[in-house]
């Protein structure tokens, strides 16, 4: 157990022989073959490419939703503007105030 780094979120693993002695943890592989190193680099590049592609997909979805909401915003603004304009115009012809604020 000497030299082991324990994860604080997991309990330690006690590996014992039937005689009651503790076994040493297996040593991590050193170096490895050229294929292991190549696959490690290829896997890292694949994870990076996946993260970049995911970010681009999220940006594209956000742009699409924004593109769909802009016409709704413009139409709602025009409806509100025309409604207020018509109310002010009608009130001006009748000689009454367009808006009345009631305070209590």
C-alpha atoms as a PDB file:
ATOM      1  CA  UNK A   1       0.000   0.000   0.000  1.00  0.00           C
ATOM      2  CA  UNK A   2       3.041   2.248   0.062  1.00  0.00           C
ATOM      3  CA  UNK A   3       2.992   4.818  -2.707  1.00  0.00           C
ATOM      4  CA  UNK A   4      -0.674   4.408  -3.619  1.00  0.00           C
ATOM      5  CA  UNK A   5      -2.700   7.524  -4.249  1.00  0.00           C
ATOM      6  CA  UNK A   6      -6.219   7.112  -2.904  1.00  0.00           C
ATOM      7  CA  UNK A   7      -9.276   8.798  -4.375  1.00  0.00           C
ATOM      8  CA  UNK A   8     -10.993  10.686  -1.509  1.00  0.00           C
ATOM      9  CA  UNK A   9     -14.439   9.804  -2.883  1.00  0.00           C
ATOM     10  CA  UNK A  10     -13.916   6.027  -2.935  1.00  0.00           C
ATOM     11  CA  UNK A  11     -13.015   3.725  -0.084  1.00  0.00           C
ATOM     12  CA  UNK A  12      -9.645   2.004  -0.291  1.00  0.00           C
ATOM     13  CA  UNK A  13      -9.476  -1.462  -1.821  1.00  0.00           C
ATOM     14  CA  UNK A  14      -7.789  -4.023   0.442  1.00  0.00           C
ATOM     15  CA  UNK A  15      -6.474  -6.892  -1.648  1.00  0.00           C
ATOM     16  CA  UNK A  16      -5.433  -9.766   0.647  1.00  0.00           C
ATOM     17  CA  UNK A  17      -4.068 -13.210   0.023  1.00  0.00           C
ATOM     18  CA  UNK A  18      -5.719 -16.228   1.685  1.00  0.00           C
ATOM     19  CA  UNK A  19      -2.845 -16.198   4.212  1.00  0.00           C
ATOM     20  CA  UNK A  20      -3.764 -12.647   5.321  1.00  0.00           C
ATOM     21  CA  UNK A  21      -0.943 -10.754   3.640  1.00  0.00           C
ATOM     22  CA  UNK A  22      -1.595  -7.635   1.615  1.00  0.00           C
ATOM     23  CA  UNK A  23      -0.828  -7.663  -2.097  1.00  0.00           C
ATOM     24  CA  UNK A  24       0.961  -4.778  -3.716  1.00  0.00           C
ATOM     25  CA  UNK A  25      -1.064  -2.916  -6.350  1.00  0.00           C
ATOM     26  CA  UNK A  26      -0.020  -3.640  -9.922  1.00  0.00           C
ATOM     27  CA  UNK A  27       2.450  -1.183 -11.372  1.00  0.00           C
ATOM     28  CA  UNK A  28       1.182   1.019 -14.176  1.00  0.00           C
ATOM     29  CA  UNK A  29       2.493   0.179 -17.600  1.00  0.00           C
ATOM     30  CA  UNK A  30       5.554   2.178 -18.539  1.00  0.00           C
ATOM     31  CA  UNK A  31       6.097   3.287 -22.092  1.00  0.00           C
ATOM     32  CA  UNK A  32       4.001   0.782 -23.949  1.00  0.00           C
ATOM     33  CA  UNK A  33       4.277  -0.043 -27.602  1.00  0.00           C
ATOM     34  CA  UNK A  34       4.220   2.415 -30.457  1.00  0.00           C
ATOM     35  CA  UNK A  35       0.669   1.285 -31.233  1.00  0.00           C
ATOM     36  CA  UNK A  36      -0.497   2.176 -27.713  1.00  0.00           C
ATOM     37  CA  UNK A  37       1.015   5.648 -28.007  1.00  0.00           C
ATOM     38  CA  UNK A  38      -0.458   6.161 -31.486  1.00  0.00           C
ATOM     39  CA  UNK A  39      -3.925   5.059 -30.367  1.00  0.00           C
ATOM     40  CA  UNK A  40      -3.703   7.319 -27.323  1.00  0.00           C
ATOM     41  CA  UNK A  41      -2.927  10.329 -29.510  1.00  0.00           C
ATOM     42  CA  UNK A  42      -5.607   9.367 -32.023  1.00  0.00           C
ATOM     43  CA  UNK A  43      -8.173   8.976 -29.245  1.00  0.00           C
ATOM     44  CA  UNK A  44      -7.258  12.367 -27.808  1.00  0.00           C
ATOM     45  CA  UNK A  45      -7.647  13.996 -31.217  1.00  0.00           C
ATOM     46  CA  UNK A  46     -11.015  12.264 -31.673  1.00  0.00           C
ATOM     47  CA  UNK A  47     -12.265  13.547 -28.315  1.00  0.00           C
ATOM     48  CA  UNK A  48     -11.136  17.079 -29.212  1.00  0.00           C
ATOM     49  CA  UNK A  49     -12.833  16.882 -32.628  1.00  0.00           C
ATOM     50  CA  UNK A  50     -16.027  15.642 -30.967  1.00  0.00           C
ATOM     51  CA  UNK A  51     -16.023  18.554 -28.525  1.00  0.00           C
ATOM     52  CA  UNK A  52     -15.476  21.098 -31.319  1.00  0.00           C
ATOM     53  CA  UNK A  53     -18.209  19.544 -33.473  1.00  0.00           C
ATOM     54  CA  UNK A  54     -20.611  19.520 -30.521  1.00  0.00           C
ATOM     55  CA  UNK A  55     -19.937  23.203 -29.897  1.00  0.00           C
ATOM     56  CA  UNK A  56     -20.588  24.017 -33.547  1.00  0.00           C
ATOM     57  CA  UNK A  57     -23.848  22.065 -33.476  1.00  0.00           C
ATOM     58  CA  UNK A  58     -24.990  23.988 -30.394  1.00  0.00           C
ATOM     59  CA  UNK A  59     -24.090  27.297 -32.065  1.00  0.00           C
ATOM     60  CA  UNK A  60     -26.004  26.294 -35.210  1.00  0.00           C
ATOM     61  CA  UNK A  61     -29.094  25.330 -33.201  1.00  0.00           C
ATOM     62  CA  UNK A  62     -28.938  28.638 -31.310  1.00  0.00           C
ATOM     63  CA  UNK A  63     -28.665  30.583 -34.599  1.00  0.00           C
ATOM     64  CA  UNK A  64     -31.600  28.634 -36.045  1.00  0.00           C
ATOM     65  CA  UNK A  65     -33.798  29.359 -33.030  1.00  0.00           C
ATOM     66  CA  UNK A  66     -32.812  33.023 -33.120  1.00  0.00           C
ATOM     67  CA  UNK A  67     -33.650  33.142 -36.822  1.00  0.00           C
ATOM     68  CA  UNK A  68     -37.074  31.679 -36.097  1.00  0.00           C
ATOM     69  CA  UNK A  69     -37.784  34.073 -33.223  1.00  0.00           C
ATOM     70  CA  UNK A  70     -36.844  37.325 -34.980  1.00  0.00           C
ATOM     71  CA  UNK A  71     -39.910  37.332 -37.298  1.00  0.00           C
ATOM     72  CA  UNK A  72     -42.170  36.575 -34.320  1.00  0.00           C
ATOM     73  CA  UNK A  73     -40.642  39.506 -32.453  1.00  0.00           C
ATOM     74  CA  UNK A  74     -41.087  41.849 -35.417  1.00  0.00           C
ATOM     75  CA  UNK A  75     -44.728  40.851 -35.974  1.00  0.00           C
ATOM     76  CA  UNK A  76     -45.568  41.181 -32.259  1.00  0.00           C
ATOM     77  CA  UNK A  77     -43.905  44.605 -32.158  1.00  0.00           C
ATOM     78  CA  UNK A  78     -45.839  45.776 -35.205  1.00  0.00           C
ATOM     79  CA  UNK A  79     -49.152  44.546 -33.759  1.00  0.00           C
ATOM     80  CA  UNK A  80     -48.430  46.390 -30.506  1.00  0.00           C
ATOM     81  CA  UNK A  81     -47.375  49.563 -32.317  1.00  0.00           C
ATOM     82  CA  UNK A  82     -50.455  49.572 -34.575  1.00  0.00           C
ATOM     83  CA  UNK A  83     -52.723  48.948 -31.578  1.00  0.00           C
ATOM     84  CA  UNK A  84     -51.279  51.865 -29.636  1.00  0.00           C
ATOM     85  CA  UNK A  85     -51.224  54.118 -32.700  1.00  0.00           C
ATOM     86  CA  UNK A  86     -54.886  53.354 -33.440  1.00  0.00           C
ATOM     87  CA  UNK A  87     -55.846  54.056 -29.831  1.00  0.00           C
ATOM     88  CA  UNK A  88     -54.041  57.426 -29.800  1.00  0.00           C
ATOM     89  CA  UNK A  89     -55.562  58.372 -33.165  1.00  0.00           C
ATOM     90  CA  UNK A  90     -59.084  57.474 -32.035  1.00  0.00           C
ATOM     91  CA  UNK A  91     -58.648  59.342 -28.739  1.00  0.00           C
ATOM     92  CA  UNK A  92     -57.318  62.428 -30.573  1.00  0.00           C
ATOM     93  CA  UNK A  93     -60.429  62.579 -32.779  1.00  0.00           C
ATOM     94  CA  UNK A  94     -62.721  62.274 -29.763  1.00  0.00           C
ATOM     95  CA  UNK A  95     -60.770  64.870 -27.761  1.00  0.00           C
ATOM     96  CA  UNK A  96     -60.129  62.499 -24.839  1.00  0.00           C
ATOM     97  CA  UNK A  97     -56.805  61.431 -23.388  1.00  0.00           C
ATOM     98  CA  UNK A  98     -55.371  58.284 -24.958  1.00  0.00           C
ATOM     99  CA  UNK A  99     -54.090  56.827 -21.699  1.00  0.00           C
ATOM    100  CA  UNK A 100     -55.467  57.242 -18.208  1.00  0.00           C
ATOM    101  CA  UNK A 101     -53.382  56.355 -15.177  1.00  0.00           C
ATOM    102  CA  UNK A 102     -55.419  55.561 -12.095  1.00  0.00           C
ATOM    103  CA  UNK A 103     -53.620  56.087  -8.794  1.00  0.00           C
ATOM    104  CA  UNK A 104     -55.019  54.784  -5.570  1.00  0.00           C
END
